Each structure stands twice: as C-alpha cells, then as structure tokens.
C-alpha cells in the first residue's frame, strides 16, 4: 500500500516496486537462484557477445564503409 501512495504522491516510477510481488512464487525463486549462482558465467557470455558484436562492426566497416559515409559517418565511433 505504501508503494501505491508514494507512486501517486511522489513519482510514478515508484510503482515499479509493486512488481516485486512475483518473488513470492516458488518456481520463480528457483529460477532467480539459478541465474544468481551462475552470474560469473553469464557475465563472461555477455562479454563474448560484446566482443563478437565489436568484431562484426569492424568487419562491416572495412568491407562496406561506403554505406556508412552517406550518413556523415567518417569513423566507427
């Protein structure tokens, strides 16, 4: 109830705390624990994804750089 009152009075962003109610479901607690335990492996997977995206950007810029220049893009940045 306090989240509702604060959301109405202070800022609507505070309504987001009402979404924490899903943590009462047992199956979702198990899923959250599984994600939290393997956070290191998931972080490394995200890092590999970012590196692959970076390499893909460089390769595209090398081979199809003429497409980027029409939009006043002179570098990868």
PDB file of N, CA and C in Angstrom:
ATOM      1  N   UNK A   1       0.818  -1.187   0.000  1.00  0.00           N
ATOM      2  CA  UNK A   1       0.000   0.000   0.000  1.00  0.00           C
ATOM      3  C   UNK A   1       0.867   1.258   0.000  1.00  0.00           C
ATOM      4  N   UNK A   2       1.997   1.192   0.699  1.00  0.00           N
ATOM      5  CA  UNK A   2       2.873   2.359   0.736  1.00  0.00           C
ATOM      6  C   UNK A   2       3.465   2.666  -0.643  1.00  0.00           C
ATOM      7  N   UNK A   3       3.740   1.631  -1.451  1.00  0.00           N
ATOM      8  CA  UNK A   3       4.250   1.862  -2.809  1.00  0.00           C
ATOM      9  C   UNK A   3       3.215   2.593  -3.657  1.00  0.00           C
ATOM     10  N   UNK A   4       1.956   2.252  -3.489  1.00  0.00           N
ATOM     11  CA  UNK A   4       0.895   2.911  -4.247  1.00  0.00           C
ATOM     12  C   UNK A   4       0.792   4.381  -3.852  1.00  0.00           C
ATOM     13  N   UNK A   5       0.810   4.640  -2.563  1.00  0.00           N
ATOM     14  CA  UNK A   5       0.695   6.024  -2.088  1.00  0.00           C
ATOM     15  C   UNK A   5       1.902   6.847  -2.534  1.00  0.00           C
ATOM     16  N   UNK A   6       3.106   6.281  -2.398  1.00  0.00           N
ATOM     17  CA  UNK A   6       4.299   7.005  -2.832  1.00  0.00           C
ATOM     18  C   UNK A   6       4.304   7.213  -4.343  1.00  0.00           C
ATOM     19  N   UNK A   7       3.794   6.239  -5.093  1.00  0.00           N
ATOM     20  CA  UNK A   7       3.712   6.387  -6.533  1.00  0.00           C
ATOM     21  C   UNK A   7       2.746   7.478  -6.939  1.00  0.00           C
ATOM     22  N   UNK A   8       1.664   7.627  -6.203  1.00  0.00           N
ATOM     23  CA  UNK A   8       0.701   8.670  -6.516  1.00  0.00           C
ATOM     24  C   UNK A   8       1.179  10.054  -6.097  1.00  0.00           C
ATOM     25  N   UNK A   9       1.858  10.121  -4.966  1.00  0.00           N
ATOM     26  CA  UNK A   9       2.240  11.420  -4.415  1.00  0.00           C
ATOM     27  C   UNK A   9       3.604  11.882  -4.928  1.00  0.00           C
ATOM     28  N   UNK A  10       4.621  11.001  -4.867  1.00  0.00           N
ATOM     29  CA  UNK A  10       5.990  11.411  -5.162  1.00  0.00           C
ATOM     30  C   UNK A  10       6.283  11.336  -6.666  1.00  0.00           C
ATOM     31  N   UNK A  11       6.299  10.105  -7.189  1.00  0.00           N
ATOM     32  CA  UNK A  11       6.647   9.928  -8.603  1.00  0.00           C
ATOM     33  C   UNK A  11       6.096   8.584  -9.085  1.00  0.00           C
ATOM     34  N   UNK A  12       5.566   8.506 -10.310  1.00  0.00           N
ATOM     35  CA  UNK A  12       5.017   7.239 -10.808  1.00  0.00           C
ATOM     36  C   UNK A  12       6.051   6.123 -10.938  1.00  0.00           C
ATOM     37  N   UNK A  13       7.330   6.451 -10.970  1.00  0.00           N
ATOM     38  CA  UNK A  13       8.367   5.425 -11.045  1.00  0.00           C
ATOM     39  C   UNK A  13       8.321   4.482  -9.845  1.00  0.00           C
ATOM     40  N   UNK A  14       7.837   4.940  -8.738  1.00  0.00           N
ATOM     41  CA  UNK A  14       7.803   4.116  -7.522  1.00  0.00           C
ATOM     42  C   UNK A  14       6.787   2.983  -7.610  1.00  0.00           C
ATOM     43  N   UNK A  15       5.944   2.986  -8.639  1.00  0.00           N
ATOM     44  CA  UNK A  15       5.031   1.860  -8.850  1.00  0.00           C
ATOM     45  C   UNK A  15       5.784   0.587  -9.218  1.00  0.00           C
ATOM     46  N   UNK A  16       7.023   0.723  -9.671  1.00  0.00           N
ATOM     47  CA  UNK A  16       7.805  -0.427 -10.096  1.00  0.00           C
ATOM     48  C   UNK A  16       8.041  -1.403  -8.938  1.00  0.00           C
ATOM     49  N   UNK A  17       8.035  -0.919  -7.731  1.00  0.00           N
ATOM     50  CA  UNK A  17       8.245  -1.803  -6.585  1.00  0.00           C
ATOM     51  C   UNK A  17       7.082  -2.760  -6.352  1.00  0.00           C
ATOM     52  N   UNK A  18       5.950  -2.489  -6.975  1.00  0.00           N
ATOM     53  CA  UNK A  18       4.832  -3.422  -6.893  1.00  0.00           C
ATOM     54  C   UNK A  18       5.118  -4.705  -7.655  1.00  0.00           C
ATOM     55  N   UNK A  19       6.053  -4.656  -8.593  1.00  0.00           N
ATOM     56  CA  UNK A  19       6.400  -5.835  -9.374  1.00  0.00           C
ATOM     57  C   UNK A  19       7.202  -6.850  -8.562  1.00  0.00           C
ATOM     58  N   UNK A  20       7.681  -6.472  -7.405  1.00  0.00           N
ATOM     59  CA  UNK A  20       8.442  -7.402  -6.562  1.00  0.00           C
ATOM     60  C   UNK A  20       7.559  -8.487  -5.971  1.00  0.00           C
ATOM     61  N   UNK A  21       6.289  -8.394  -6.189  1.00  0.00           N
ATOM     62  CA  UNK A  21       5.357  -9.392  -5.665  1.00  0.00           C
ATOM     63  C   UNK A  21       5.566 -10.760  -6.314  1.00  0.00           C
ATOM     64  N   UNK A  22       6.137 -10.788  -7.512  1.00  0.00           N
ATOM     65  CA  UNK A  22       6.347 -12.064  -8.186  1.00  0.00           C
ATOM     66  C   UNK A  22       7.379 -12.924  -7.461  1.00  0.00           C
ATOM     67  N   UNK A  23       8.151 -12.367  -6.541  1.00  0.00           N
ATOM     68  CA  UNK A  23       9.154 -13.154  -5.819  1.00  0.00           C
ATOM     69  C   UNK A  23       8.533 -14.121  -4.822  1.00  0.00           C
ATOM     70  N   UNK A  24       7.247 -14.014  -4.608  1.00  0.00           N
ATOM     71  CA  UNK A  24       6.574 -14.949  -3.690  1.00  0.00           C
ATOM     72  C   UNK A  24       6.334 -16.312  -4.327  1.00  0.00           C
ATOM     73  N   UNK A  25       6.376 -16.400  -5.653  1.00  0.00           N
ATOM     74  CA  UNK A  25       6.134 -17.659  -6.351  1.00  0.00           C
ATOM     75  C   UNK A  25       7.400 -18.520  -6.246  1.00  0.00           C
ATOM     76  N   UNK A  26       7.248 -19.741  -5.798  1.00  0.00           N
ATOM     77  CA  UNK A  26       8.377 -20.621  -5.521  1.00  0.00           C
ATOM     78  C   UNK A  26       9.183 -20.945  -6.776  1.00  0.00           C
ATOM     79  N   UNK A  27       8.507 -21.215  -7.880  1.00  0.00           N
ATOM     80  CA  UNK A  27       9.214 -21.569  -9.110  1.00  0.00           C
ATOM     81  C   UNK A  27      10.095 -20.417  -9.582  1.00  0.00           C
ATOM     82  N   UNK A  28       9.618 -19.196  -9.422  1.00  0.00           N
ATOM     83  CA  UNK A  28      10.415 -18.046  -9.837  1.00  0.00           C
ATOM     84  C   UNK A  28      11.605 -17.833  -8.918  1.00  0.00           C
ATOM     85  N   UNK A  29      11.470 -18.164  -7.648  1.00  0.00           N
ATOM     86  CA  UNK A  29      12.609 -18.075  -6.742  1.00  0.00           C
ATOM     87  C   UNK A  29      13.719 -19.026  -7.171  1.00  0.00           C
ATOM     88  N   UNK A  30      13.346 -20.206  -7.622  1.00  0.00           N
ATOM     89  CA  UNK A  30      14.331 -21.184  -8.083  1.00  0.00           C
ATOM     90  C   UNK A  30      15.052 -20.665  -9.326  1.00  0.00           C
ATOM     91  N   UNK A  31      14.316 -20.047 -10.235  1.00  0.00           N
ATOM     92  CA  UNK A  31      14.915 -19.504 -11.456  1.00  0.00           C
ATOM     93  C   UNK A  31      15.875 -18.374 -11.115  1.00  0.00           C
ATOM     94  N   UNK A  32      15.481 -17.501 -10.211  1.00  0.00           N
ATOM     95  CA  UNK A  32      16.345 -16.386  -9.824  1.00  0.00           C
ATOM     96  C   UNK A  32      17.606 -16.898  -9.138  1.00  0.00           C
ATOM     97  N   UNK A  33      17.496 -17.937  -8.305  1.00  0.00           N
ATOM     98  CA  UNK A  33      18.683 -18.517  -7.679  1.00  0.00           C
ATOM     99  C   UNK A  33      19.615 -19.117  -8.727  1.00  0.00           C
ATOM    100  N   UNK A  34      19.045 -19.779  -9.740  1.00  0.00           N
ATOM    101  CA  UNK A  34      19.870 -20.381 -10.795  1.00  0.00           C
ATOM    102  C   UNK A  34      20.626 -19.311 -11.572  1.00  0.00           C
ATOM    103  N   UNK A  35      20.000 -18.178 -11.815  1.00  0.00           N
ATOM    104  CA  UNK A  35      20.675 -17.089 -12.520  1.00  0.00           C
ATOM    105  C   UNK A  35      21.734 -16.459 -11.621  1.00  0.00           C
ATOM    106  N   UNK A  36      21.412 -16.269 -10.356  1.00  0.00           N
ATOM    107  CA  UNK A  36      22.339 -15.605  -9.442  1.00  0.00           C
ATOM    108  C   UNK A  36      23.587 -16.448  -9.185  1.00  0.00           C
ATOM    109  N   UNK A  37      23.427 -17.769  -9.091  1.00  0.00           N
ATOM    110  CA  UNK A  37      24.571 -18.644  -8.831  1.00  0.00           C
ATOM    111  C   UNK A  37      25.532 -18.630 -10.009  1.00  0.00           C
ATOM    112  N   UNK A  38      25.017 -18.591 -11.235  1.00  0.00           N
ATOM    113  CA  UNK A  38      25.878 -18.641 -12.417  1.00  0.00           C
ATOM    114  C   UNK A  38      26.108 -17.253 -13.014  1.00  0.00           C
ATOM    115  N   UNK A  39      26.111 -16.232 -12.180  1.00  0.00           N
ATOM    116  CA  UNK A  39      26.270 -14.864 -12.683  1.00  0.00           C
ATOM    117  C   UNK A  39      27.634 -14.642 -13.322  1.00  0.00           C
ATOM    118  N   UNK A  40      28.681 -15.303 -12.838  1.00  0.00           N
ATOM    119  CA  UNK A  40      30.014 -15.143 -13.414  1.00  0.00           C
ATOM    120  C   UNK A  40      30.050 -15.686 -14.846  1.00  0.00           C
ATOM    121  N   UNK A  41      29.506 -16.886 -15.052  1.00  0.00           N
ATOM    122  CA  UNK A  41      29.478 -17.477 -16.384  1.00  0.00           C
ATOM    123  C   UNK A  41      28.608 -16.656 -17.331  1.00  0.00           C
ATOM    124  N   UNK A  42      27.502 -16.140 -16.824  1.00  0.00           N
ATOM    125  CA  UNK A  42      26.630 -15.323 -17.668  1.00  0.00           C
ATOM    126  C   UNK A  42      27.301 -14.004 -18.020  1.00  0.00           C
ATOM    127  N   UNK A  43      28.065 -13.443 -17.109  1.00  0.00           N
ATOM    128  CA  UNK A  43      28.810 -12.224 -17.398  1.00  0.00           C
ATOM    129  C   UNK A  43      29.862 -12.449 -18.476  1.00  0.00           C
ATOM    130  N   UNK A  44      30.559 -13.581 -18.392  1.00  0.00           N
ATOM    131  CA  UNK A  44      31.545 -13.897 -19.420  1.00  0.00           C
ATOM    132  C   UNK A  44      30.882 -14.133 -20.773  1.00  0.00           C
ATOM    133  N   UNK A  45      29.722 -14.751 -20.772  1.00  0.00           N
ATOM    134  CA  UNK A  45      28.978 -14.941 -22.016  1.00  0.00           C
ATOM    135  C   UNK A  45      28.580 -13.596 -22.613  1.00  0.00           C
ATOM    136  N   UNK A  46      28.161 -12.661 -21.777  1.00  0.00           N
ATOM    137  CA  UNK A  46      27.826 -11.318 -22.258  1.00  0.00           C
ATOM    138  C   UNK A  46      29.045 -10.617 -22.826  1.00  0.00           C
ATOM    139  N   UNK A  47      30.202 -10.806 -22.202  1.00  0.00           N
ATOM    140  CA  UNK A  47      31.436 -10.210 -22.696  1.00  0.00           C
ATOM    141  C   UNK A  47      31.810 -10.774 -24.064  1.00  0.00           C
ATOM    142  N   UNK A  48      31.667 -12.075 -24.235  1.00  0.00           N
ATOM    143  CA  UNK A  48      31.939 -12.693 -25.537  1.00  0.00           C
ATOM    144  C   UNK A  48      30.976 -12.143 -26.588  1.00  0.00           C
ATOM    145  N   UNK A  49      29.724 -11.949 -26.235  1.00  0.00           N
ATOM    146  CA  UNK A  49      28.748 -11.384 -27.160  1.00  0.00           C
ATOM    147  C   UNK A  49      29.146  -9.973 -27.580  1.00  0.00           C
ATOM    148  N   UNK A  50      29.592  -9.159 -26.631  1.00  0.00           N
ATOM    149  CA  UNK A  50      30.013  -7.791 -26.952  1.00  0.00           C
ATOM    150  C   UNK A  50      31.237  -7.810 -27.868  1.00  0.00           C
ATOM    151  N   UNK A  51      32.189  -8.716 -27.622  1.00  0.00           N
ATOM    152  CA  UNK A  51      33.362  -8.811 -28.486  1.00  0.00           C
ATOM    153  C   UNK A  51      32.987  -9.231 -29.903  1.00  0.00           C
ATOM    154  N   UNK A  52      32.077 -10.180 -30.030  1.00  0.00           N
ATOM    155  CA  UNK A  52      31.634 -10.612 -31.356  1.00  0.00           C
ATOM    156  C   UNK A  52      30.936  -9.458 -32.081  1.00  0.00           C
ATOM    157  N   UNK A  53      30.122  -8.700 -31.379  1.00  0.00           N
ATOM    158  CA  UNK A  53      29.462  -7.534 -31.979  1.00  0.00           C
ATOM    159  C   UNK A  53      30.504  -6.510 -32.435  1.00  0.00           C
ATOM    160  N   UNK A  54      31.531  -6.303 -31.650  1.00  0.00           N
ATOM    161  CA  UNK A  54      32.581  -5.344 -31.988  1.00  0.00           C
ATOM    162  C   UNK A  54      33.321  -5.788 -33.245  1.00  0.00           C
ATOM    163  N   UNK A  55      33.704  -7.064 -33.306  1.00  0.00           N
ATOM    164  CA  UNK A  55      34.397  -7.572 -34.488  1.00  0.00           C
ATOM    165  C   UNK A  55      33.503  -7.487 -35.722  1.00  0.00           C
ATOM    166  N   UNK A  56      32.253  -7.785 -35.568  1.00  0.00           N
ATOM    167  CA  UNK A  56      31.300  -7.692 -36.682  1.00  0.00           C
ATOM    168  C   UNK A  56      31.211  -6.254 -37.183  1.00  0.00           C
ATOM    169  N   UNK A  57      31.215  -5.290 -36.288  1.00  0.00           N
ATOM    170  CA  UNK A  57      31.173  -3.881 -36.672  1.00  0.00           C
ATOM    171  C   UNK A  57      32.418  -3.485 -37.444  1.00  0.00           C
ATOM    172  N   UNK A  58      33.574  -3.928 -36.982  1.00  0.00           N
ATOM    173  CA  UNK A  58      34.829  -3.599 -37.673  1.00  0.00           C
ATOM    174  C   UNK A  58      34.850  -4.214 -39.071  1.00  0.00           C
ATOM    175  N   UNK A  59      34.465  -5.464 -39.190  1.00  0.00           N
ATOM    176  CA  UNK A  59      34.453  -6.131 -40.492  1.00  0.00           C
ATOM    177  C   UNK A  59      33.481  -5.435 -41.441  1.00  0.00           C
ATOM    178  N   UNK A  60      32.311  -5.075 -40.955  1.00  0.00           N
ATOM    179  CA  UNK A  60      31.361  -4.364 -41.805  1.00  0.00           C
ATOM    180  C   UNK A  60      31.893  -3.003 -42.214  1.00  0.00           C
ATOM    181  N   UNK A  61      32.541  -2.320 -41.315  1.00  0.00           N
ATOM    182  CA  UNK A  61      33.086  -1.001 -41.647  1.00  0.00           C
ATOM    183  C   UNK A  61      34.194  -1.110 -42.695  1.00  0.00           C
ATOM    184  N   UNK A  62      34.989  -2.179 -42.637  1.00  0.00           N
ATOM    185  CA  UNK A  62      36.073  -2.362 -43.608  1.00  0.00           C
ATOM    186  C   UNK A  62      35.512  -2.667 -44.991  1.00  0.00           C
ATOM    187  N   UNK A  63      34.524  -3.545 -45.059  1.00  0.00           N
ATOM    188  CA  UNK A  63      34.048  -4.010 -46.361  1.00  0.00           C
ATOM    189  C   UNK A  63      32.936  -3.155 -46.968  1.00  0.00           C
ATOM    190  N   UNK A  64      32.119  -2.541 -46.159  1.00  0.00           N
ATOM    191  CA  UNK A  64      31.036  -1.722 -46.719  1.00  0.00           C
ATOM    192  C   UNK A  64      31.069  -0.315 -46.134  1.00  0.00           C
ATOM    193  N   UNK A  65      32.263   0.257 -46.053  1.00  0.00           N
ATOM    194  CA  UNK A  65      32.424   1.593 -45.481  1.00  0.00           C
ATOM    195  C   UNK A  65      31.716   2.660 -46.296  1.00  0.00           C
ATOM    196  N   UNK A  66      31.540   2.424 -47.587  1.00  0.00           N
ATOM    197  CA  UNK A  66      30.884   3.419 -48.421  1.00  0.00           C
ATOM    198  C   UNK A  66      29.432   3.640 -48.005  1.00  0.00           C
ATOM    199  N   UNK A  67      28.805   2.659 -47.416  1.00  0.00           N
ATOM    200  CA  UNK A  67      27.422   2.832 -46.944  1.00  0.00           C
ATOM    201  C   UNK A  67      27.362   3.716 -45.704  1.00  0.00           C
ATOM    202  N   UNK A  68      28.401   3.695 -44.908  1.00  0.00           N
ATOM    203  CA  UNK A  68      28.418   4.495 -43.701  1.00  0.00           C
ATOM    204  C   UNK A  68      28.676   5.974 -43.996  1.00  0.00           C
ATOM    205  N   UNK A  69      29.409   6.266 -45.056  1.00  0.00           N
ATOM    206  CA  UNK A  69      29.798   7.636 -45.338  1.00  0.00           C
ATOM    207  C   UNK A  69      28.640   8.490 -45.835  1.00  0.00           C
ATOM    208  N   UNK A  70      27.599   7.888 -46.381  1.00  0.00           N
ATOM    209  CA  UNK A  70      26.460   8.663 -46.853  1.00  0.00           C
ATOM    210  C   UNK A  70      25.690   9.305 -45.706  1.00  0.00           C
ATOM    211  N   UNK A  71      25.821   8.766 -44.539  1.00  0.00           N
ATOM    212  CA  UNK A  71      25.140   9.322 -43.365  1.00  0.00           C
ATOM    213  C   UNK A  71      26.096  10.150 -42.515  1.00  0.00           C
ATOM    214  N   UNK A  72      27.101  10.722 -43.136  1.00  0.00           N
ATOM    215  CA  UNK A  72      28.132  11.530 -42.476  1.00  0.00           C
ATOM    216  C   UNK A  72      28.819  10.778 -41.339  1.00  0.00           C
ATOM    217  N   UNK A  73      29.130   9.526 -41.593  1.00  0.00           N
ATOM    218  CA  UNK A  73      29.845   8.707 -40.607  1.00  0.00           C
ATOM    219  C   UNK A  73      31.243   8.472 -41.143  1.00  0.00           C
ATOM    220  N   UNK A  74      32.232   9.111 -40.548  1.00  0.00           N
ATOM    221  CA  UNK A  74      33.605   9.004 -41.027  1.00  0.00           C
ATOM    222  C   UNK A  74      34.434   8.011 -40.223  1.00  0.00           C
ATOM    223  N   UNK A  75      33.936   7.528 -39.124  1.00  0.00           N
ATOM    224  CA  UNK A  75      34.664   6.554 -38.327  1.00  0.00           C
ATOM    225  C   UNK A  75      33.664   5.624 -37.649  1.00  0.00           C
ATOM    226  N   UNK A  76      34.182   4.594 -37.020  1.00  0.00           N
ATOM    227  CA  UNK A  76      33.295   3.640 -36.324  1.00  0.00           C
ATOM    228  C   UNK A  76      32.593   4.313 -35.147  1.00  0.00           C
ATOM    229  N   UNK A  77      33.236   5.250 -34.519  1.00  0.00           N
ATOM    230  CA  UNK A  77      32.624   5.930 -33.371  1.00  0.00           C
ATOM    231  C   UNK A  77      31.421   6.723 -33.805  1.00  0.00           C
TER     232      UNK A  77
END
